[in-house]
Structure formats: structure tokens, C-alpha cells
Amino acid sequence: MKTTGVSLNECLHVGPKFNQRITNILLRFRLNKCAFIADREKTFLMIAVAEQDRGILRYLWIDDMDKSSPIIQMLHFAQVMFSIACIPFW
């Protein structure tokens, strides 16, 4: 759903996508005698967003929708989000 205005993803630079190169990486992997592998499962959760950039990654948190007057807080992401356009593996 889009309203009038510009979304965050429309303002971000979209770099190269690394998933498109996975075939080449796997083929090169077989060329050498030694290989190095690592588990990257939680890699992006460990990348922090700079303090001055956290303001653009704000969201609203509502404590209980069923209350007559729920508490609404404005929070921000401190780690990199998966769904923004500049993430190379999205």
C-alpha cells in the first residue's frame, strides 16, 4: 500500500545484488584445494545502523490494540533491516 509521497526504498541507492553471482561463486569454489566457509545466519543482525541514520528507520509500536486508549510509541531500528532496497542479499 502506498500513499502520496516518497517511500524509503525510493530514496536509497540500490547496489549490486550478490545472489545473482552465487553460481559463479560455487563454480570458483571447486577450483582450489582449500576452501573457507562460514555461517552467516545472523550476520545482518550484527550490523548496527549509525546513530545519525536511525531517525529514518522509525516505526510505531502500539502496546495493546484492544485498549480504549493504547500507548503509542515511536521507535527506531538499531540494526540493519532486511527489507530495505540497499541490502545486497534481498
PDB file of N, CA and C in Angstrom:
ATOM      1  N   MET A   1       0.838  -1.171   0.000  1.00  0.00           N
ATOM      2  CA  MET A   1       0.000   0.000   0.000  1.00  0.00           C
ATOM      3  C   MET A   1       0.882   1.232   0.000  1.00  0.00           C
ATOM      4  N   LYS A   2       0.628   2.162  -0.861  1.00  0.00           N
ATOM      5  CA  LYS A   2       1.423   3.373  -0.947  1.00  0.00           C
ATOM      6  C   LYS A   2       0.508   4.584  -0.876  1.00  0.00           C
ATOM      7  N   THR A   3       0.953   5.548  -0.124  1.00  0.00           N
ATOM      8  CA  THR A   3       0.222   6.806  -0.046  1.00  0.00           C
ATOM      9  C   THR A   3       0.952   7.824  -0.902  1.00  0.00           C
ATOM     10  N   THR A   4       0.494   9.044  -0.879  1.00  0.00           N
ATOM     11  CA  THR A   4       1.210  10.075  -1.627  1.00  0.00           C
ATOM     12  C   THR A   4       2.541  10.338  -0.948  1.00  0.00           C
ATOM     13  N   GLY A   5       3.525  10.666  -1.712  1.00  0.00           N
ATOM     14  CA  GLY A   5       4.852  10.919  -1.160  1.00  0.00           C
ATOM     15  C   GLY A   5       5.855   9.908  -1.677  1.00  0.00           C
ATOM     16  N   VAL A   6       7.008   9.908  -1.055  1.00  0.00           N
ATOM     17  CA  VAL A   6       8.117   9.071  -1.485  1.00  0.00           C
ATOM     18  C   VAL A   6       8.432   8.065  -0.377  1.00  0.00           C
ATOM     19  N   SER A   7       8.649   6.811  -0.757  1.00  0.00           N
ATOM     20  CA  SER A   7       8.981   5.786   0.234  1.00  0.00           C
ATOM     21  C   SER A   7      10.485   5.771   0.498  1.00  0.00           C
ATOM     22  N   LEU A   8      10.880   5.116   1.580  1.00  0.00           N
ATOM     23  CA  LEU A   8      12.295   4.999   1.924  1.00  0.00           C
ATOM     24  C   LEU A   8      13.066   4.285   0.821  1.00  0.00           C
ATOM     25  N   ASN A   9      12.534   3.190   0.285  1.00  0.00           N
ATOM     26  CA  ASN A   9      13.230   2.434  -0.753  1.00  0.00           C
ATOM     27  C   ASN A   9      13.435   3.234  -2.032  1.00  0.00           C
ATOM     28  N   GLU A  10      12.580   4.198  -2.299  1.00  0.00           N
ATOM     29  CA  GLU A  10      12.757   5.037  -3.485  1.00  0.00           C
ATOM     30  C   GLU A  10      13.902   6.028  -3.303  1.00  0.00           C
ATOM     31  N   CYS A  11      14.294   6.299  -2.076  1.00  0.00           N
ATOM     32  CA  CYS A  11      15.365   7.260  -1.792  1.00  0.00           C
ATOM     33  C   CYS A  11      16.734   6.603  -1.644  1.00  0.00           C
ATOM     34  N   LEU A  12      16.786   5.291  -1.486  1.00  0.00           N
ATOM     35  CA  LEU A  12      18.046   4.605  -1.231  1.00  0.00           C
ATOM     36  C   LEU A  12      18.731   4.187  -2.519  1.00  0.00           C
ATOM     37  N   HIS A  13      20.057   4.155  -2.476  1.00  0.00           N
ATOM     38  CA  HIS A  13      20.840   3.655  -3.608  1.00  0.00           C
ATOM     39  C   HIS A  13      20.779   2.129  -3.602  1.00  0.00           C
ATOM     40  N   VAL A  14      20.390   1.555  -4.701  1.00  0.00           N
ATOM     41  CA  VAL A  14      20.321   0.100  -4.822  1.00  0.00           C
ATOM     42  C   VAL A  14      21.601  -0.366  -5.501  1.00  0.00           C
ATOM     43  N   GLY A  15      22.443  -1.028  -4.739  1.00  0.00           N
ATOM     44  CA  GLY A  15      23.707  -1.529  -5.269  1.00  0.00           C
ATOM     45  C   GLY A  15      23.528  -2.873  -5.949  1.00  0.00           C
ATOM     46  N   PRO A  16      24.638  -3.525  -6.266  1.00  0.00           N
ATOM     47  CA  PRO A  16      24.553  -4.830  -6.925  1.00  0.00           C
ATOM     48  C   PRO A  16      23.982  -5.887  -5.991  1.00  0.00           C
ATOM     49  N   LYS A  17      23.257  -6.823  -6.554  1.00  0.00           N
ATOM     50  CA  LYS A  17      22.688  -7.929  -5.786  1.00  0.00           C
ATOM     51  C   LYS A  17      23.654  -9.110  -5.850  1.00  0.00           C
ATOM     52  N   PHE A  18      24.097  -9.589  -4.692  1.00  0.00           N
ATOM     53  CA  PHE A  18      25.080 -10.665  -4.646  1.00  0.00           C
ATOM     54  C   PHE A  18      24.483 -12.030  -4.930  1.00  0.00           C
ATOM     55  N   ASN A  19      23.189 -12.207  -4.760  1.00  0.00           N
ATOM     56  CA  ASN A  19      22.572 -13.504  -5.028  1.00  0.00           C
ATOM     57  C   ASN A  19      22.683 -13.902  -6.490  1.00  0.00           C
ATOM     58  N   GLN A  20      22.764 -12.936  -7.388  1.00  0.00           N
ATOM     59  CA  GLN A  20      22.872 -13.244  -8.809  1.00  0.00           C
ATOM     60  C   GLN A  20      24.226 -13.858  -9.144  1.00  0.00           C
ATOM     61  N   ARG A  21      25.208 -13.673  -8.289  1.00  0.00           N
ATOM     62  CA  ARG A  21      26.553 -14.184  -8.549  1.00  0.00           C
ATOM     63  C   ARG A  21      26.823 -15.514  -7.862  1.00  0.00           C
ATOM     64  N   ILE A  22      25.841 -16.104  -7.243  1.00  0.00           N
ATOM     65  CA  ILE A  22      26.052 -17.320  -6.451  1.00  0.00           C
ATOM     66  C   ILE A  22      26.542 -18.487  -7.306  1.00  0.00           C
ATOM     67  N   THR A  23      26.092 -18.589  -8.543  1.00  0.00           N
ATOM     68  CA  THR A  23      26.551 -19.667  -9.426  1.00  0.00           C
ATOM     69  C   THR A  23      28.041 -19.541  -9.690  1.00  0.00           C
ATOM     70  N   ASN A  24      28.501 -18.336  -9.982  1.00  0.00           N
ATOM     71  CA  ASN A  24      29.931 -18.121 -10.217  1.00  0.00           C
ATOM     72  C   ASN A  24      30.751 -18.428  -8.968  1.00  0.00           C
ATOM     73  N   ILE A  25      30.236 -18.067  -7.816  1.00  0.00           N
ATOM     74  CA  ILE A  25      30.946 -18.338  -6.564  1.00  0.00           C
ATOM     75  C   ILE A  25      31.083 -19.840  -6.350  1.00  0.00           C
ATOM     76  N   LEU A  26      30.022 -20.584  -6.588  1.00  0.00           N
ATOM     77  CA  LEU A  26      30.071 -22.035  -6.402  1.00  0.00           C
ATOM     78  C   LEU A  26      31.021 -22.704  -7.394  1.00  0.00           C
ATOM     79  N   LEU A  27      31.063 -22.212  -8.621  1.00  0.00           N
ATOM     80  CA  LEU A  27      31.987 -22.777  -9.605  1.00  0.00           C
ATOM     81  C   LEU A  27      33.438 -22.494  -9.226  1.00  0.00           C
ATOM     82  N   ARG A  28      33.735 -21.290  -8.766  1.00  0.00           N
ATOM     83  CA  ARG A  28      35.099 -20.949  -8.344  1.00  0.00           C
ATOM     84  C   ARG A  28      35.497 -21.709  -7.083  1.00  0.00           C
ATOM     85  N   PHE A  29      34.536 -22.050  -6.261  1.00  0.00           N
ATOM     86  CA  PHE A  29      34.791 -22.773  -5.019  1.00  0.00           C
ATOM     87  C   PHE A  29      35.485 -24.107  -5.297  1.00  0.00           C
ATOM     88  N   ARG A  30      35.187 -24.707  -6.416  1.00  0.00           N
ATOM     89  CA  ARG A  30      35.726 -26.025  -6.762  1.00  0.00           C
ATOM     90  C   ARG A  30      37.120 -25.956  -7.371  1.00  0.00           C
ATOM     91  N   LEU A  31      37.620 -24.772  -7.712  1.00  0.00           N
ATOM     92  CA  LEU A  31      38.899 -24.652  -8.403  1.00  0.00           C
ATOM     93  C   LEU A  31      40.113 -24.854  -7.501  1.00  0.00           C
ATOM     94  N   ASN A  32      40.011 -24.543  -6.234  1.00  0.00           N
ATOM     95  CA  ASN A  32      41.162 -24.584  -5.332  1.00  0.00           C
ATOM     96  C   ASN A  32      41.137 -25.823  -4.439  1.00  0.00           C
ATOM     97  N   LYS A  33      42.311 -26.134  -3.871  1.00  0.00           N
ATOM     98  CA  LYS A  33      42.406 -27.290  -2.979  1.00  0.00           C
ATOM     99  C   LYS A  33      41.820 -26.988  -1.607  1.00  0.00           C
ATOM    100  N   CYS A  34      41.950 -25.759  -1.174  1.00  0.00           N
ATOM    101  CA  CYS A  34      41.453 -25.362   0.151  1.00  0.00           C
ATOM    102  C   CYS A  34      40.293 -24.391  -0.012  1.00  0.00           C
ATOM    103  N   ALA A  35      39.382 -24.464   0.925  1.00  0.00           N
ATOM    104  CA  ALA A  35      38.226 -23.558   0.882  1.00  0.00           C
ATOM    105  C   ALA A  35      37.899 -23.100   2.297  1.00  0.00           C
ATOM    106  N   PHE A  36      37.255 -21.975   2.379  1.00  0.00           N
ATOM    107  CA  PHE A  36      36.844 -21.413   3.667  1.00  0.00           C
ATOM    108  C   PHE A  36      35.347 -21.176   3.620  1.00  0.00           C
ATOM    109  N   ILE A  37      34.648 -21.652   4.628  1.00  0.00           N
ATOM    110  CA  ILE A  37      33.211 -21.410   4.701  1.00  0.00           C
ATOM    111  C   ILE A  37      32.881 -20.821   6.073  1.00  0.00           C
ATOM    112  N   ALA A  38      31.766 -20.141   6.145  1.00  0.00           N
ATOM    113  CA  ALA A  38      31.331 -19.545   7.413  1.00  0.00           C
ATOM    114  C   ALA A  38      29.812 -19.518   7.455  1.00  0.00           C
ATOM    115  N   ASP A  39      29.282 -19.494   8.645  1.00  0.00           N
ATOM    116  CA  ASP A  39      27.838 -19.408   8.841  1.00  0.00           C
ATOM    117  C   ASP A  39      27.456 -17.940   8.954  1.00  0.00           C
ATOM    118  N   ARG A  40      26.638 -17.455   8.040  1.00  0.00           N
ATOM    119  CA  ARG A  40      26.248 -16.046   8.025  1.00  0.00           C
ATOM    120  C   ARG A  40      24.799 -15.866   8.462  1.00  0.00           C
ATOM    121  N   GLU A  41      24.265 -16.783   9.193  1.00  0.00           N
ATOM    122  CA  GLU A  41      22.844 -16.759   9.540  1.00  0.00           C
ATOM    123  C   GLU A  41      22.434 -15.461  10.228  1.00  0.00           C
ATOM    124  N   LYS A  42      23.241 -14.982  11.147  1.00  0.00           N
ATOM    125  CA  LYS A  42      22.871 -13.796  11.921  1.00  0.00           C
ATOM    126  C   LYS A  42      23.738 -12.585  11.585  1.00  0.00           C
ATOM    127  N   THR A  43      24.372 -12.593  10.430  1.00  0.00           N
ATOM    128  CA  THR A  43      25.290 -11.521  10.070  1.00  0.00           C
ATOM    129  C   THR A  43      24.624 -10.161  10.071  1.00  0.00           C
ATOM    130  N   PHE A  44      23.507 -10.002   9.388  1.00  0.00           N
ATOM    131  CA  PHE A  44      22.874  -8.688   9.286  1.00  0.00           C
ATOM    132  C   PHE A  44      22.316  -8.210  10.618  1.00  0.00           C
ATOM    133  N   LEU A  45      21.997  -9.133  11.529  1.00  0.00           N
ATOM    134  CA  LEU A  45      21.520  -8.717  12.845  1.00  0.00           C
ATOM    135  C   LEU A  45      22.630  -8.091  13.668  1.00  0.00           C
ATOM    136  N   MET A  46      23.882  -8.292  13.266  1.00  0.00           N
ATOM    137  CA  MET A  46      25.022  -7.747  13.994  1.00  0.00           C
ATOM    138  C   MET A  46      25.504  -6.421  13.417  1.00  0.00           C
ATOM    139  N   ILE A  47      24.938  -5.985  12.305  1.00  0.00           N
ATOM    140  CA  ILE A  47      25.347  -4.721  11.687  1.00  0.00           C
ATOM    141  C   ILE A  47      24.468  -3.608  12.236  1.00  0.00           C
ATOM    142  N   ALA A  48      25.091  -2.680  12.924  1.00  0.00           N
ATOM    143  CA  ALA A  48      24.342  -1.579  13.536  1.00  0.00           C
ATOM    144  C   ALA A  48      24.143  -0.441  12.543  1.00  0.00           C
ATOM    145  N   VAL A  49      23.032   0.243  12.683  1.00  0.00           N
ATOM    146  CA  VAL A  49      22.761   1.450  11.899  1.00  0.00           C
ATOM    147  C   VAL A  49      23.394   2.615  12.652  1.00  0.00           C
ATOM    148  N   ALA A  50      24.076   3.497  11.942  1.00  0.00           N
ATOM    149  CA  ALA A  50      24.713   4.653  12.578  1.00  0.00           C
ATOM    150  C   ALA A  50      23.674   5.482  13.329  1.00  0.00           C
ATOM    151  N   GLU A  51      24.083   6.022  14.449  1.00  0.00           N
ATOM    152  CA  GLU A  51      23.177   6.777  15.321  1.00  0.00           C
ATOM    153  C   GLU A  51      22.456   7.893  14.560  1.00  0.00           C
ATOM    154  N   GLN A  52      23.160   8.598  13.682  1.00  0.00           N
ATOM    155  CA  GLN A  52      22.549   9.717  12.956  1.00  0.00           C
ATOM    156  C   GLN A  52      21.579   9.264  11.866  1.00  0.00           C
ATOM    157  N   ASP A  53      21.610   7.987  11.481  1.00  0.00           N
ATOM    158  CA  ASP A  53      20.720   7.473  10.437  1.00  0.00           C
ATOM    159  C   ASP A  53      19.493   6.746  10.985  1.00  0.00           C
ATOM    160  N   ARG A  54      19.416   6.540  12.268  1.00  0.00           N
ATOM    161  CA  ARG A  54      18.317   5.770  12.848  1.00  0.00           C
ATOM    162  C   ARG A  54      16.978   6.488  12.749  1.00  0.00           C
ATOM    163  N   GLY A  55      16.978   7.792  12.594  1.00  0.00           N
ATOM    164  CA  GLY A  55      15.733   8.546  12.505  1.00  0.00           C
ATOM    165  C   GLY A  55      14.898   8.198  11.288  1.00  0.00           C
ATOM    166  N   ILE A  56      15.527   7.744  10.212  1.00  0.00           N
ATOM    167  CA  ILE A  56      14.754   7.397   9.008  1.00  0.00           C
ATOM    168  C   ILE A  56      14.176   5.989   9.083  1.00  0.00           C
ATOM    169  N   LEU A  57      14.579   5.221  10.086  1.00  0.00           N
ATOM    170  CA  LEU A  57      14.076   3.852  10.250  1.00  0.00           C
ATOM    171  C   LEU A  57      13.118   3.774  11.431  1.00  0.00           C
ATOM    172  N   ARG A  58      12.206   4.721  11.506  1.00  0.00           N
ATOM    173  CA  ARG A  58      11.252   4.773  12.614  1.00  0.00           C
ATOM    174  C   ARG A  58      10.014   3.942  12.313  1.00  0.00           C
ATOM    175  N   TYR A  59       9.372   3.492  13.376  1.00  0.00           N
ATOM    176  CA  TYR A  59       8.095   2.786  13.265  1.00  0.00           C
ATOM    177  C   TYR A  59       7.283   3.038  14.527  1.00  0.00           C
ATOM    178  N   LEU A  60       5.994   2.806  14.435  1.00  0.00           N
ATOM    179  CA  LEU A  60       5.107   2.993  15.583  1.00  0.00           C
ATOM    180  C   LEU A  60       4.858   1.660  16.265  1.00  0.00           C
ATOM    181  N   TRP A  61       4.927   1.648  17.598  1.00  0.00           N
ATOM    182  CA  TRP A  61       4.645   0.458  18.389  1.00  0.00           C
ATOM    183  C   TRP A  61       3.427   0.749  19.249  1.00  0.00           C
ATOM    184  N   ILE A  62       2.400  -0.071  19.113  1.00  0.00           N
ATOM    185  CA  ILE A  62       1.166   0.087  19.883  1.00  0.00           C
ATOM    186  C   ILE A  62       1.119  -1.048  20.895  1.00  0.00           C
ATOM    187  N   ASP A  63       1.035  -0.703  22.189  1.00  0.00           N
ATOM    188  CA  ASP A  63       1.149  -1.717  23.238  1.00  0.00           C
ATOM    189  C   ASP A  63      -0.016  -2.699  23.273  1.00  0.00           C
ATOM    190  N   ASP A  64      -1.232  -2.228  23.104  1.00  0.00           N
ATOM    191  CA  ASP A  64      -2.394  -3.127  23.147  1.00  0.00           C
ATOM    192  C   ASP A  64      -3.516  -2.496  22.327  1.00  0.00           C
ATOM    193  N   MET A  65      -3.796  -3.074  21.183  1.00  0.00           N
ATOM    194  CA  MET A  65      -4.812  -2.517  20.284  1.00  0.00           C
ATOM    195  C   MET A  65      -6.213  -2.586  20.880  1.00  0.00           C
ATOM    196  N   ASP A  66      -6.433  -3.474  21.826  1.00  0.00           N
ATOM    197  CA  ASP A  66      -7.766  -3.654  22.402  1.00  0.00           C
ATOM    198  C   ASP A  66      -8.103  -2.628  23.483  1.00  0.00           C
ATOM    199  N   LYS A  67      -7.122  -1.894  23.952  1.00  0.00           N
ATOM    200  CA  LYS A  67      -7.386  -0.867  24.966  1.00  0.00           C
ATOM    201  C   LYS A  67      -8.147   0.298  24.346  1.00  0.00           C
ATOM    202  N   SER A  68      -8.890   1.015  25.174  1.00  0.00           N
ATOM    203  CA  SER A  68      -9.617   2.185  24.659  1.00  0.00           C
ATOM    204  C   SER A  68      -8.658   3.316  24.299  1.00  0.00           C
ATOM    205  N   SER A  69      -7.565   3.443  25.024  1.00  0.00           N
ATOM    206  CA  SER A  69      -6.542   4.441  24.679  1.00  0.00           C
ATOM    207  C   SER A  69      -5.165   3.777  24.784  1.00  0.00           C
ATOM    208  N   PRO A  70      -4.755   3.070  23.722  1.00  0.00           N
ATOM    209  CA  PRO A  70      -3.472   2.359  23.759  1.00  0.00           C
ATOM    210  C   PRO A  70      -2.293   3.336  23.773  1.00  0.00           C
ATOM    211  N   ILE A  71      -1.200   2.884  24.338  1.00  0.00           N
ATOM    212  CA  ILE A  71       0.027   3.683  24.356  1.00  0.00           C
ATOM    213  C   ILE A  71       0.743   3.473  23.027  1.00  0.00           C
ATOM    214  N   ILE A  72       1.027   4.563  22.343  1.00  0.00           N
ATOM    215  CA  ILE A  72       1.716   4.504  21.053  1.00  0.00           C
ATOM    216  C   ILE A  72       3.109   5.090  21.240  1.00  0.00           C
ATOM    217  N   GLN A  73       4.114   4.311  20.873  1.00  0.00           N
ATOM    218  CA  GLN A  73       5.500   4.764  20.980  1.00  0.00           C
ATOM    219  C   GLN A  73       6.123   4.835  19.600  1.00  0.00           C
ATOM    220  N   MET A  74       6.992   5.820  19.390  1.00  0.00           N
ATOM    221  CA  MET A  74       7.758   5.888  18.157  1.00  0.00           C
ATOM    222  C   MET A  74       9.147   5.324  18.457  1.00  0.00           C
ATOM    223  N   LEU A  75       9.491   4.235  17.793  1.00  0.00           N
ATOM    224  CA  LEU A  75      10.771   3.566  17.993  1.00  0.00           C
ATOM    225  C   LEU A  75      11.572   3.599  16.700  1.00  0.00           C
ATOM    226  N   HIS A  76      12.814   3.147  16.748  1.00  0.00           N
ATOM    227  CA  HIS A  76      13.641   3.080  15.541  1.00  0.00           C
ATOM    228  C   HIS A  76      14.451   1.787  15.555  1.00  0.00           C
ATOM    229  N   PHE A  77      14.842   1.358  14.373  1.00  0.00           N
ATOM    230  CA  PHE A  77      15.665   0.163  14.248  1.00  0.00           C
ATOM    231  C   PHE A  77      17.114   0.523  14.546  1.00  0.00           C
ATOM    232  N   ALA A  78      17.778  -0.291  15.340  1.00  0.00           N
ATOM    233  CA  ALA A  78      19.194  -0.087  15.647  1.00  0.00           C
ATOM    234  C   ALA A  78      20.077  -0.984  14.777  1.00  0.00           C
ATOM    235  N   GLN A  79      19.494  -2.062  14.221  1.00  0.00           N
ATOM    236  CA  GLN A  79      20.223  -2.949  13.324  1.00  0.00           C
ATOM    237  C   GLN A  79      19.655  -2.823  11.916  1.00  0.00           C
ATOM    238  N   VAL A  80      20.434  -3.296  10.946  1.00  0.00           N
ATOM    239  CA  VAL A  80      20.032  -3.235   9.547  1.00  0.00           C
ATOM    240  C   VAL A  80      18.750  -4.040   9.337  1.00  0.00           C
ATOM    241  N   MET A  81      17.822  -3.483   8.568  1.00  0.00           N
ATOM    242  CA  MET A  81      16.571  -4.171   8.234  1.00  0.00           C
ATOM    243  C   MET A  81      16.776  -5.018   6.984  1.00  0.00           C
ATOM    244  N   PHE A  82      16.058  -6.117   6.885  1.00  0.00           N
ATOM    245  CA  PHE A  82      16.186  -6.994   5.720  1.00  0.00           C
ATOM    246  C   PHE A  82      15.456  -6.464   4.495  1.00  0.00           C
ATOM    247  N   SER A  83      14.420  -5.700   4.665  1.00  0.00           N
ATOM    248  CA  SER A  83      13.551  -5.369   3.537  1.00  0.00           C
ATOM    249  C   SER A  83      13.870  -4.057   2.837  1.00  0.00           C
ATOM    250  N   ILE A  84      14.935  -3.365   3.221  1.00  0.00           N
ATOM    251  CA  ILE A  84      15.233  -2.112   2.530  1.00  0.00           C
ATOM    252  C   ILE A  84      16.052  -2.387   1.276  1.00  0.00           C
ATOM    253  N   ALA A  85      15.954  -1.494   0.322  1.00  0.00           N
ATOM    254  CA  ALA A  85      16.494  -1.719  -1.020  1.00  0.00           C
ATOM    255  C   ALA A  85      18.012  -1.846  -1.064  1.00  0.00           C
ATOM    256  N   CYS A  86      18.726  -1.251  -0.136  1.00  0.00           N
ATOM    257  CA  CYS A  86      20.184  -1.246  -0.218  1.00  0.00           C
ATOM    258  C   CYS A  86      20.837  -2.522   0.318  1.00  0.00           C
ATOM    259  N   ILE A  87      20.066  -3.467   0.849  1.00  0.00           N
ATOM    260  CA  ILE A  87      20.632  -4.722   1.340  1.00  0.00           C
ATOM    261  C   ILE A  87      21.014  -5.583   0.134  1.00  0.00           C
ATOM    262  N   PRO A  88      22.282  -6.033   0.035  1.00  0.00           N
ATOM    263  CA  PRO A  88      22.724  -6.736  -1.171  1.00  0.00           C
ATOM    264  C   PRO A  88      22.152  -8.131  -1.349  1.00  0.00           C
ATOM    265  N   PHE A  89      21.600  -8.747  -0.300  1.00  0.00           N
ATOM    266  CA  PHE A  89      21.081 -10.111  -0.425  1.00  0.00           C
ATOM    267  C   PHE A  89      19.570 -10.159  -0.452  1.00  0.00           C
ATOM    268  N   TRP A  90      18.898  -9.038  -0.605  1.00  0.00           N
ATOM    269  CA  TRP A  90      17.434  -9.004  -0.586  1.00  0.00           C
ATOM    270  C   TRP A  90      16.869  -9.347  -1.924  1.00  0.00           C
TER     271      TRP A  90
END
